[in-house]
Amino acid sequence: MRSEGTFHLFARVLMRKNMSKTKRKASEWGLGHFLSLDVYQNHVSLAVSDPDNRTAFSLSPLDRKKYNNMDAMANELQTLISKYNVEGFVFGIPSHYDDDKDYQYYLVGTDAKIFIDGLHDTRKFEGLTYTLWEKKDASKLVESMLKVCNTPEEVAKNVITRSSALSILQEFLKAANRRPLFEKRLIRD
């Protein structure tokens, strides 16, 4: 369970300057959905929220090898933004924080940081909101459950891939709807 201070820490982490902020519950953001992205070297796990921003639903992951550059990946994400009326991104980030260091220290070189910078460089997401959310050990939990059920390795891998962004978004929605002080950011230069 996330403590109050930790929630604000992750809600405030900024990776770009000049971002405007407003404070509202996730369910008060309007008709838009949230799209969760859990970025790995070979794929991006995706999940989208319902119209009330209370429940997350898994989408098919994007195979990063399929896209020859970040522009192609950005075009695919723009298709999802239009299809689901996405108002903001929720990026999964590593969950190891030391109070002695700035959280951005841990983001340097991560797949998520490189991916976010790549999206920013395409200039196709100006004005779209995003936040960073700590990854939990959800994939380990799913992995353990699948092992107990003797699930074939290939099927288990697919389930784990699909569940990572889902668990990130569901935890985010749970916390954001509980707390009215969620910060919304706009991607700008």
C-alpha atoms as a PDB file:
ATOM      1  CA  MET A   1       0.000   0.000   0.000  1.00  0.00           C
ATOM      2  CA  ARG A   2       1.298   3.420  -0.935  1.00  0.00           C
ATOM      3  CA  SER A   3       1.730   5.968   1.827  1.00  0.00           C
ATOM      4  CA  GLU A   4       0.399   9.491   1.430  1.00  0.00           C
ATOM      5  CA  GLY A   5       3.871  10.970   1.001  1.00  0.00           C
ATOM      6  CA  THR A   6       4.869   8.357  -1.545  1.00  0.00           C
ATOM      7  CA  PHE A   7       1.755   9.035  -3.632  1.00  0.00           C
ATOM      8  CA  HIS A   8       2.599  12.718  -3.839  1.00  0.00           C
ATOM      9  CA  LEU A   9       6.206  11.904  -4.651  1.00  0.00           C
ATOM     10  CA  PHE A  10       5.269   9.861  -7.712  1.00  0.00           C
ATOM     11  CA  ALA A  11       2.515  12.253  -8.749  1.00  0.00           C
ATOM     12  CA  ARG A  12       5.012  15.128  -8.751  1.00  0.00           C
ATOM     13  CA  VAL A  13       7.920  13.514 -10.609  1.00  0.00           C
ATOM     14  CA  LEU A  14       8.581  15.637 -13.684  1.00  0.00           C
ATOM     15  CA  MET A  15      10.712  14.745 -16.662  1.00  0.00           C
ATOM     16  CA  ARG A  16       9.995  17.838 -18.787  1.00  0.00           C
ATOM     17  CA  LYS A  17       9.956  21.503 -17.841  1.00  0.00           C
ATOM     18  CA  ASN A  18       7.053  23.906 -18.382  1.00  0.00           C
ATOM     19  CA  MET A  19       4.233  21.523 -17.524  1.00  0.00           C
ATOM     20  CA  SER A  20       1.009  22.999 -16.233  1.00  0.00           C
ATOM     21  CA  LYS A  21      -0.686  21.357 -13.255  1.00  0.00           C
ATOM     22  CA  THR A  22      -4.261  21.056 -12.090  1.00  0.00           C
ATOM     23  CA  LYS A  23      -5.485  19.039  -9.136  1.00  0.00           C
ATOM     24  CA  ARG A  24      -8.508  16.760  -9.490  1.00  0.00           C
ATOM     25  CA  LYS A  25      -9.567  13.197  -8.848  1.00  0.00           C
ATOM     26  CA  ALA A  26      -9.008  10.921 -11.833  1.00  0.00           C
ATOM     27  CA  SER A  27     -12.760  10.413 -12.215  1.00  0.00           C
ATOM     28  CA  GLU A  28     -13.233  14.196 -12.536  1.00  0.00           C
ATOM     29  CA  TRP A  29     -10.967  14.617 -15.554  1.00  0.00           C
ATOM     30  CA  GLY A  30     -13.805  14.524 -18.037  1.00  0.00           C
ATOM     31  CA  LEU A  31     -14.670  11.965 -20.652  1.00  0.00           C
ATOM     32  CA  GLY A  32     -11.092  10.969 -21.510  1.00  0.00           C
ATOM     33  CA  HIS A  33      -9.452   7.692 -20.617  1.00  0.00           C
ATOM     34  CA  PHE A  34      -5.978   6.944 -19.286  1.00  0.00           C
ATOM     35  CA  LEU A  35      -3.573   4.754 -21.241  1.00  0.00           C
ATOM     36  CA  SER A  36      -1.007   2.859 -19.195  1.00  0.00           C
ATOM     37  CA  LEU A  37       2.323   1.971 -20.789  1.00  0.00           C
ATOM     38  CA  ASP A  38       4.796  -0.420 -19.219  1.00  0.00           C
ATOM     39  CA  VAL A  39       7.881  -0.165 -21.410  1.00  0.00           C
ATOM     40  CA  TYR A  40      10.270  -3.056 -21.912  1.00  0.00           C
ATOM     41  CA  GLN A  41      13.137  -3.483 -24.341  1.00  0.00           C
ATOM     42  CA  ASN A  42      11.119  -5.652 -26.769  1.00  0.00           C
ATOM     43  CA  HIS A  43       7.512  -4.621 -26.131  1.00  0.00           C
ATOM     44  CA  VAL A  44       5.193  -2.080 -24.538  1.00  0.00           C
ATOM     45  CA  SER A  45       2.415  -3.481 -22.358  1.00  0.00           C
ATOM     46  CA  LEU A  46      -0.797  -1.429 -22.618  1.00  0.00           C
ATOM     47  CA  ALA A  47      -3.988  -0.935 -20.629  1.00  0.00           C
ATOM     48  CA  VAL A  48      -6.794   1.613 -20.879  1.00  0.00           C
ATOM     49  CA  SER A  49      -9.247   2.899 -18.278  1.00  0.00           C
ATOM     50  CA  ASP A  50     -13.017   2.832 -18.519  1.00  0.00           C
ATOM     51  CA  PRO A  51     -14.884   6.138 -19.178  1.00  0.00           C
ATOM     52  CA  ASP A  52     -15.262   6.733 -15.433  1.00  0.00           C
ATOM     53  CA  ASN A  53     -11.520   6.197 -14.857  1.00  0.00           C
ATOM     54  CA  ARG A  54     -12.183   3.557 -12.222  1.00  0.00           C
ATOM     55  CA  THR A  55     -11.303   0.242 -13.904  1.00  0.00           C
ATOM     56  CA  ALA A  56      -8.405  -0.790 -16.158  1.00  0.00           C
ATOM     57  CA  PHE A  57      -8.672  -3.085 -19.178  1.00  0.00           C
ATOM     58  CA  SER A  58      -5.759  -4.792 -20.888  1.00  0.00           C
ATOM     59  CA  LEU A  59      -4.920  -4.106 -24.542  1.00  0.00           C
ATOM     60  CA  SER A  60      -2.665  -6.064 -26.867  1.00  0.00           C
ATOM     61  CA  PRO A  61       0.990  -5.183 -26.242  1.00  0.00           C
ATOM     62  CA  LEU A  62       2.990  -3.366 -28.904  1.00  0.00           C
ATOM     63  CA  ASP A  63       5.997  -5.244 -30.265  1.00  0.00           C
ATOM     64  CA  ARG A  64       8.798  -2.662 -30.404  1.00  0.00           C
ATOM     65  CA  LYS A  65      10.673  -4.688 -33.026  1.00  0.00           C
ATOM     66  CA  LYS A  66       7.722  -4.243 -35.399  1.00  0.00           C
ATOM     67  CA  TYR A  67       8.235  -0.475 -35.532  1.00  0.00           C
ATOM     68  CA  ASN A  68      11.393   0.732 -37.262  1.00  0.00           C
ATOM     69  CA  ASN A  69      11.503   4.066 -35.427  1.00  0.00           C
ATOM     70  CA  MET A  70       9.835   6.106 -32.710  1.00  0.00           C
ATOM     71  CA  ASP A  71       7.666   7.969 -35.245  1.00  0.00           C
ATOM     72  CA  ALA A  72       6.014   4.690 -36.271  1.00  0.00           C
ATOM     73  CA  MET A  73       5.414   3.801 -32.609  1.00  0.00           C
ATOM     74  CA  ALA A  74       4.036   7.310 -31.985  1.00  0.00           C
ATOM     75  CA  ASN A  75       1.621   6.892 -34.909  1.00  0.00           C
ATOM     76  CA  GLU A  76       0.319   3.644 -33.385  1.00  0.00           C
ATOM     77  CA  LEU A  77      -0.144   5.364 -30.016  1.00  0.00           C
ATOM     78  CA  GLN A  78      -1.989   8.232 -31.723  1.00  0.00           C
ATOM     79  CA  THR A  79      -4.372   5.655 -33.199  1.00  0.00           C
ATOM     80  CA  LEU A  80      -5.056   4.333 -29.682  1.00  0.00           C
ATOM     81  CA  ILE A  81      -5.479   7.884 -28.354  1.00  0.00           C
ATOM     82  CA  SER A  82      -8.153   8.563 -30.960  1.00  0.00           C
ATOM     83  CA  LYS A  83      -9.864   5.196 -30.578  1.00  0.00           C
ATOM     84  CA  TYR A  84     -10.131   5.368 -26.774  1.00  0.00           C
ATOM     85  CA  ASN A  85     -10.332   9.151 -26.320  1.00  0.00           C
ATOM     86  CA  VAL A  86      -7.169   9.106 -24.206  1.00  0.00           C
ATOM     87  CA  GLU A  87      -6.615  12.125 -21.983  1.00  0.00           C
ATOM     88  CA  GLY A  88      -3.345  11.026 -20.396  1.00  0.00           C
ATOM     89  CA  PHE A  89      -0.575   8.439 -20.155  1.00  0.00           C
ATOM     90  CA  VAL A  90       0.480   6.550 -17.026  1.00  0.00           C
ATOM     91  CA  PHE A  91       4.028   5.205 -17.405  1.00  0.00           C
ATOM     92  CA  GLY A  92       5.274   2.389 -15.209  1.00  0.00           C
ATOM     93  CA  ILE A  93       8.649   3.108 -13.617  1.00  0.00           C
ATOM     94  CA  PRO A  94      11.020   0.988 -11.485  1.00  0.00           C
ATOM     95  CA  SER A  95      10.107   0.635  -7.816  1.00  0.00           C
ATOM     96  CA  HIS A  96      13.315   1.276  -5.929  1.00  0.00           C
ATOM     97  CA  TYR A  97      13.426   4.613  -4.182  1.00  0.00           C
ATOM     98  CA  ASP A  98      16.012   5.852  -1.714  1.00  0.00           C
ATOM     99  CA  ASP A  99      15.085   8.975   0.260  1.00  0.00           C
ATOM    100  CA  ASP A 100      18.674  10.230  -0.050  1.00  0.00           C
ATOM    101  CA  LYS A 101      18.471  10.589  -3.835  1.00  0.00           C
ATOM    102  CA  ASP A 102      16.176  12.365  -6.262  1.00  0.00           C
ATOM    103  CA  TYR A 103      13.826   9.874  -7.900  1.00  0.00           C
ATOM    104  CA  GLN A 104      14.971  10.975 -11.370  1.00  0.00           C
ATOM    105  CA  TYR A 105      18.379   9.522 -10.463  1.00  0.00           C
ATOM    106  CA  TYR A 106      16.772   6.081 -10.800  1.00  0.00           C
ATOM    107  CA  LEU A 107      15.092   6.865 -14.119  1.00  0.00           C
ATOM    108  CA  VAL A 108      18.292   7.598 -16.036  1.00  0.00           C
ATOM    109  CA  GLY A 109      18.791   4.920 -18.665  1.00  0.00           C
ATOM    110  CA  THR A 110      15.549   3.059 -17.951  1.00  0.00           C
ATOM    111  CA  ASP A 111      13.441   1.847 -20.861  1.00  0.00           C
ATOM    112  CA  ALA A 112      10.600   4.122 -19.706  1.00  0.00           C
ATOM    113  CA  LYS A 113      12.782   7.271 -19.642  1.00  0.00           C
ATOM    114  CA  ILE A 114      14.243   6.542 -23.074  1.00  0.00           C
ATOM    115  CA  PHE A 115      10.759   5.849 -24.454  1.00  0.00           C
ATOM    116  CA  ILE A 116       9.232   9.031 -22.964  1.00  0.00           C
ATOM    117  CA  ASP A 117      12.101  11.118 -24.338  1.00  0.00           C
ATOM    118  CA  GLY A 118      11.600   9.481 -27.735  1.00  0.00           C
ATOM    119  CA  LEU A 119       7.882  10.292 -27.701  1.00  0.00           C
ATOM    120  CA  HIS A 120       8.641  13.864 -26.695  1.00  0.00           C
ATOM    121  CA  ASP A 121      11.120  14.226 -29.559  1.00  0.00           C
ATOM    122  CA  THR A 122       8.444  13.253 -32.109  1.00  0.00           C
ATOM    123  CA  ARG A 123       6.435  16.340 -31.059  1.00  0.00           C
ATOM    124  CA  LYS A 124       3.218  14.394 -31.698  1.00  0.00           C
ATOM    125  CA  PHE A 125       1.971  14.469 -28.112  1.00  0.00           C
ATOM    126  CA  GLU A 126       2.071  18.161 -27.256  1.00  0.00           C
ATOM    127  CA  GLY A 127      -0.592  18.929 -24.669  1.00  0.00           C
ATOM    128  CA  LEU A 128      -1.185  15.297 -23.713  1.00  0.00           C
ATOM    129  CA  THR A 129      -0.928  14.664 -19.980  1.00  0.00           C
ATOM    130  CA  TYR A 130       1.201  11.986 -18.353  1.00  0.00           C
ATOM    131  CA  THR A 131       2.335  10.803 -14.968  1.00  0.00           C
ATOM    132  CA  LEU A 132       4.784   8.221 -13.693  1.00  0.00           C
ATOM    133  CA  TRP A 133       3.670   5.356 -11.497  1.00  0.00           C
ATOM    134  CA  GLU A 134       5.728   2.929  -9.478  1.00  0.00           C
ATOM    135  CA  LYS A 135       5.698  -0.655 -10.762  1.00  0.00           C
ATOM    136  CA  LYS A 136       4.707  -3.177  -8.166  1.00  0.00           C
ATOM    137  CA  ASP A 137       5.571  -6.857  -8.130  1.00  0.00           C
ATOM    138  CA  ALA A 138       2.326  -7.668  -9.919  1.00  0.00           C
ATOM    139  CA  SER A 139       4.072  -9.656 -12.623  1.00  0.00           C
ATOM    140  CA  LYS A 140       5.693 -11.817  -9.931  1.00  0.00           C
ATOM    141  CA  LEU A 141       2.273 -12.452  -8.394  1.00  0.00           C
ATOM    142  CA  VAL A 142       0.775 -13.378 -11.765  1.00  0.00           C
ATOM    143  CA  GLU A 143       3.806 -15.546 -12.522  1.00  0.00           C
ATOM    144  CA  SER A 144       3.354 -17.427  -9.232  1.00  0.00           C
ATOM    145  CA  MET A 145      -0.348 -17.995  -9.881  1.00  0.00           C
ATOM    146  CA  LEU A 146       0.326 -19.281 -13.395  1.00  0.00           C
ATOM    147  CA  LYS A 147       3.020 -21.619 -12.093  1.00  0.00           C
ATOM    148  CA  VAL A 148       0.595 -23.119  -9.567  1.00  0.00           C
ATOM    149  CA  CYS A 149      -1.893 -23.687 -12.413  1.00  0.00           C
ATOM    150  CA  ASN A 150       0.788 -25.411 -14.541  1.00  0.00           C
ATOM    151  CA  THR A 151       0.246 -22.932 -17.363  1.00  0.00           C
ATOM    152  CA  PRO A 152       2.421 -23.540 -20.443  1.00  0.00           C
ATOM    153  CA  GLU A 153       5.408 -21.182 -20.593  1.00  0.00           C
ATOM    154  CA  GLU A 154       4.371 -19.430 -23.826  1.00  0.00           C
ATOM    155  CA  VAL A 155       0.845 -18.752 -22.520  1.00  0.00           C
ATOM    156  CA  ALA A 156       2.223 -17.587 -19.165  1.00  0.00           C
ATOM    157  CA  LYS A 157       4.610 -15.168 -20.873  1.00  0.00           C
ATOM    158  CA  ASN A 158       1.725 -13.648 -22.846  1.00  0.00           C
ATOM    159  CA  VAL A 159      -0.446 -13.273 -19.719  1.00  0.00           C
ATOM    160  CA  ILE A 160       2.400 -11.637 -17.778  1.00  0.00           C
ATOM    161  CA  THR A 161       3.101  -9.240 -20.658  1.00  0.00           C
ATOM    162  CA  ARG A 162      -0.545  -8.166 -20.775  1.00  0.00           C
ATOM    163  CA  SER A 163      -0.944  -7.873 -17.001  1.00  0.00           C
ATOM    164  CA  SER A 164       1.901  -5.457 -16.211  1.00  0.00           C
ATOM    165  CA  ALA A 165       0.317  -2.265 -17.597  1.00  0.00           C
ATOM    166  CA  LEU A 166      -3.068  -3.412 -16.307  1.00  0.00           C
ATOM    167  CA  SER A 167      -1.836  -3.661 -12.716  1.00  0.00           C
ATOM    168  CA  ILE A 168      -0.020  -0.309 -12.947  1.00  0.00           C
ATOM    169  CA  LEU A 169      -3.119   1.467 -14.240  1.00  0.00           C
ATOM    170  CA  GLN A 170      -5.470  -0.178 -11.745  1.00  0.00           C
ATOM    171  CA  GLU A 171      -3.247   0.857  -8.809  1.00  0.00           C
ATOM    172  CA  PHE A 172      -2.979   4.370 -10.235  1.00  0.00           C
ATOM    173  CA  LEU A 173      -6.767   4.696 -10.648  1.00  0.00           C
ATOM    174  CA  LYS A 174      -7.364   3.368  -7.154  1.00  0.00           C
ATOM    175  CA  ALA A 175      -5.028   5.932  -5.598  1.00  0.00           C
ATOM    176  CA  ALA A 176      -5.997   8.819  -7.885  1.00  0.00           C
ATOM    177  CA  ASN A 177      -9.703   8.407  -7.152  1.00  0.00           C
ATOM    178  CA  ARG A 178      -9.046   8.209  -3.437  1.00  0.00           C
ATOM    179  CA  ARG A 179      -6.970  11.395  -3.451  1.00  0.00           C
ATOM    180  CA  PRO A 180      -8.240  14.667  -4.965  1.00  0.00           C
ATOM    181  CA  LEU A 181      -4.724  16.121  -5.128  1.00  0.00           C
ATOM    182  CA  PHE A 182      -3.600  14.255  -8.213  1.00  0.00           C
ATOM    183  CA  GLU A 183      -1.452  16.397 -10.471  1.00  0.00           C
ATOM    184  CA  LYS A 184      -2.081  16.543 -14.193  1.00  0.00           C
ATOM    185  CA  ARG A 185       0.778  17.518 -16.520  1.00  0.00           C
ATOM    186  CA  LEU A 186       0.851  18.738 -20.095  1.00  0.00           C
ATOM    187  CA  ILE A 187       3.668  17.724 -22.408  1.00  0.00           C
ATOM    188  CA  ARG A 188       5.252  20.860 -23.836  1.00  0.00           C
ATOM    189  CA  ASP A 189       8.708  22.093 -24.768  1.00  0.00           C
END
